[in-house]
C-alpha atoms as a PDB file:
ATOM      1  CA  UNK A   1      90.530  58.998  79.123  1.00  0.00           C
ATOM      2  CA  UNK A   2      92.418  60.818  76.343  1.00  0.00           C
ATOM      3  CA  UNK A   3      95.395  63.339  76.786  1.00  0.00           C
ATOM      4  CA  UNK A   4      93.352  66.436  76.509  1.00  0.00           C
ATOM      5  CA  UNK A   5      91.108  65.191  79.311  1.00  0.00           C
ATOM      6  CA  UNK A   6      93.739  64.115  81.549  1.00  0.00           C
ATOM      7  CA  UNK A   7      95.503  67.485  81.081  1.00  0.00           C
ATOM      8  CA  UNK A   8      92.234  69.272  81.965  1.00  0.00           C
ATOM      9  CA  UNK A   9      91.663  67.058  85.165  1.00  0.00           C
ATOM     10  CA  UNK A  10      95.104  67.649  86.346  1.00  0.00           C
ATOM     11  CA  UNK A  11      94.784  71.396  85.813  1.00  0.00           C
ATOM     12  CA  UNK A  12      91.518  71.585  87.622  1.00  0.00           C
ATOM     13  CA  UNK A  13      92.925  69.442  90.577  1.00  0.00           C
ATOM     14  CA  UNK A  14      95.909  71.620  90.727  1.00  0.00           C
ATOM     15  CA  UNK A  15      93.864  74.747  90.661  1.00  0.00           C
ATOM     16  CA  UNK A  16      91.461  73.523  93.226  1.00  0.00           C
ATOM     17  CA  UNK A  17      94.309  72.367  95.598  1.00  0.00           C
ATOM     18  CA  UNK A  18      95.973  75.767  95.177  1.00  0.00           C
ATOM     19  CA  UNK A  19      92.779  77.714  96.000  1.00  0.00           C
ATOM     20  CA  UNK A  20      92.468  75.515  99.225  1.00  0.00           C
ATOM     21  CA  UNK A  21      95.835  75.885 100.343  1.00  0.00           C
ATOM     22  CA  UNK A  22      95.766  79.786  99.838  1.00  0.00           C
ATOM     23  CA  UNK A  23      92.367  80.082 101.644  1.00  0.00           C
ATOM     24  CA  UNK A  24      93.837  77.955 104.538  1.00  0.00           C
ATOM     25  CA  UNK A  25      96.974  80.183 104.611  1.00  0.00           C
ATOM     26  CA  UNK A  26      94.856  83.420 104.661  1.00  0.00           C
ATOM     27  CA  UNK A  27      92.652  82.014 107.605  1.00  0.00           C
ATOM     28  CA  UNK A  28      95.706  81.034 109.556  1.00  0.00           C
ATOM     29  CA  UNK A  29      97.161  84.454 108.988  1.00  0.00           C
ATOM     30  CA  UNK A  30      93.962  86.184 110.078  1.00  0.00           C
ATOM     31  CA  UNK A  31      93.712  84.139 113.151  1.00  0.00           C
ATOM     32  CA  UNK A  32      97.227  84.942 113.980  1.00  0.00           C
ATOM     33  CA  UNK A  33      96.983  88.520 113.325  1.00  0.00           C
ATOM     34  CA  UNK A  34      94.039  88.958 115.972  1.00  0.00           C
ATOM     35  CA  UNK A  35      95.490  86.705 118.594  1.00  0.00           C
ATOM     36  CA  UNK A  36      97.158  88.926 121.204  1.00  0.00           C
ATOM     37  CA  UNK A  37      99.571  86.133 122.254  1.00  0.00           C
ATOM     38  CA  UNK A  38     101.353  85.979 118.811  1.00  0.00           C
ATOM     39  CA  UNK A  39     103.814  88.593 117.567  1.00  0.00           C
ATOM     40  CA  UNK A  40     102.610  89.857 114.275  1.00  0.00           C
ATOM     41  CA  UNK A  41     106.163  90.307 112.779  1.00  0.00           C
ATOM     42  CA  UNK A  42     106.922  86.596 113.284  1.00  0.00           C
ATOM     43  CA  UNK A  43     103.782  85.621 111.394  1.00  0.00           C
ATOM     44  CA  UNK A  44     104.955  87.407 108.342  1.00  0.00           C
ATOM     45  CA  UNK A  45     108.445  85.916 108.604  1.00  0.00           C
ATOM     46  CA  UNK A  46     106.930  82.266 108.691  1.00  0.00           C
ATOM     47  CA  UNK A  47     104.267  82.469 106.228  1.00  0.00           C
ATOM     48  CA  UNK A  48     105.860  84.608 103.430  1.00  0.00           C
ATOM     49  CA  UNK A  49     108.413  82.088 102.140  1.00  0.00           C
ATOM     50  CA  UNK A  50     105.926  79.076 102.337  1.00  0.00           C
ATOM     51  CA  UNK A  51     103.284  81.192 100.525  1.00  0.00           C
ATOM     52  CA  UNK A  52     105.631  82.098  97.789  1.00  0.00           C
ATOM     53  CA  UNK A  53     106.894  78.580  97.374  1.00  0.00           C
ATOM     54  CA  UNK A  54     103.458  77.111  97.132  1.00  0.00           C
ATOM     55  CA  UNK A  55     102.196  79.712  94.643  1.00  0.00           C
ATOM     56  CA  UNK A  56     105.324  79.447  92.458  1.00  0.00           C
ATOM     57  CA  UNK A  57     105.212  75.770  92.265  1.00  0.00           C
ATOM     58  CA  UNK A  58     101.572  75.537  91.364  1.00  0.00           C
ATOM     59  CA  UNK A  59     101.964  78.165  88.790  1.00  0.00           C
ATOM     60  CA  UNK A  60     104.928  76.544  87.377  1.00  0.00           C
ATOM     61  CA  UNK A  61     102.870  73.136  87.259  1.00  0.00           C
ATOM     62  CA  UNK A  62      99.942  74.702  85.580  1.00  0.00           C
ATOM     63  CA  UNK A  63     102.057  76.557  82.991  1.00  0.00           C
ATOM     64  CA  UNK A  64     103.974  73.367  82.349  1.00  0.00           C
ATOM     65  CA  UNK A  65     100.778  71.429  81.678  1.00  0.00           C
ATOM     66  CA  UNK A  66      99.428  74.105  79.407  1.00  0.00           C
ATOM     67  CA  UNK A  67     102.690  74.357  77.422  1.00  0.00           C
ATOM     68  CA  UNK A  68     102.898  70.606  77.017  1.00  0.00           C
ATOM     69  CA  UNK A  69      99.289  70.416  75.950  1.00  0.00           C
ATOM     70  CA  UNK A  70      99.742  73.168  73.159  1.00  0.00           C
ATOM     71  CA  UNK A  71     102.486  71.233  71.319  1.00  0.00           C
END
């Protein structure tokens, strides 16, 4: 496996993982919003920082891989 194939593989795995995590978080958010026993304001307080951290981390990873592969 050469460097270009490895970069493409890592990028695909990172994108697939990001998509899975985001879909899972949206699913949990929807379940929490429609459950009467859960306070909706607490859901957003709990999910927002985690959501931003995960998205930011993966975007940084993908950007770093693309910048490194262009050189």
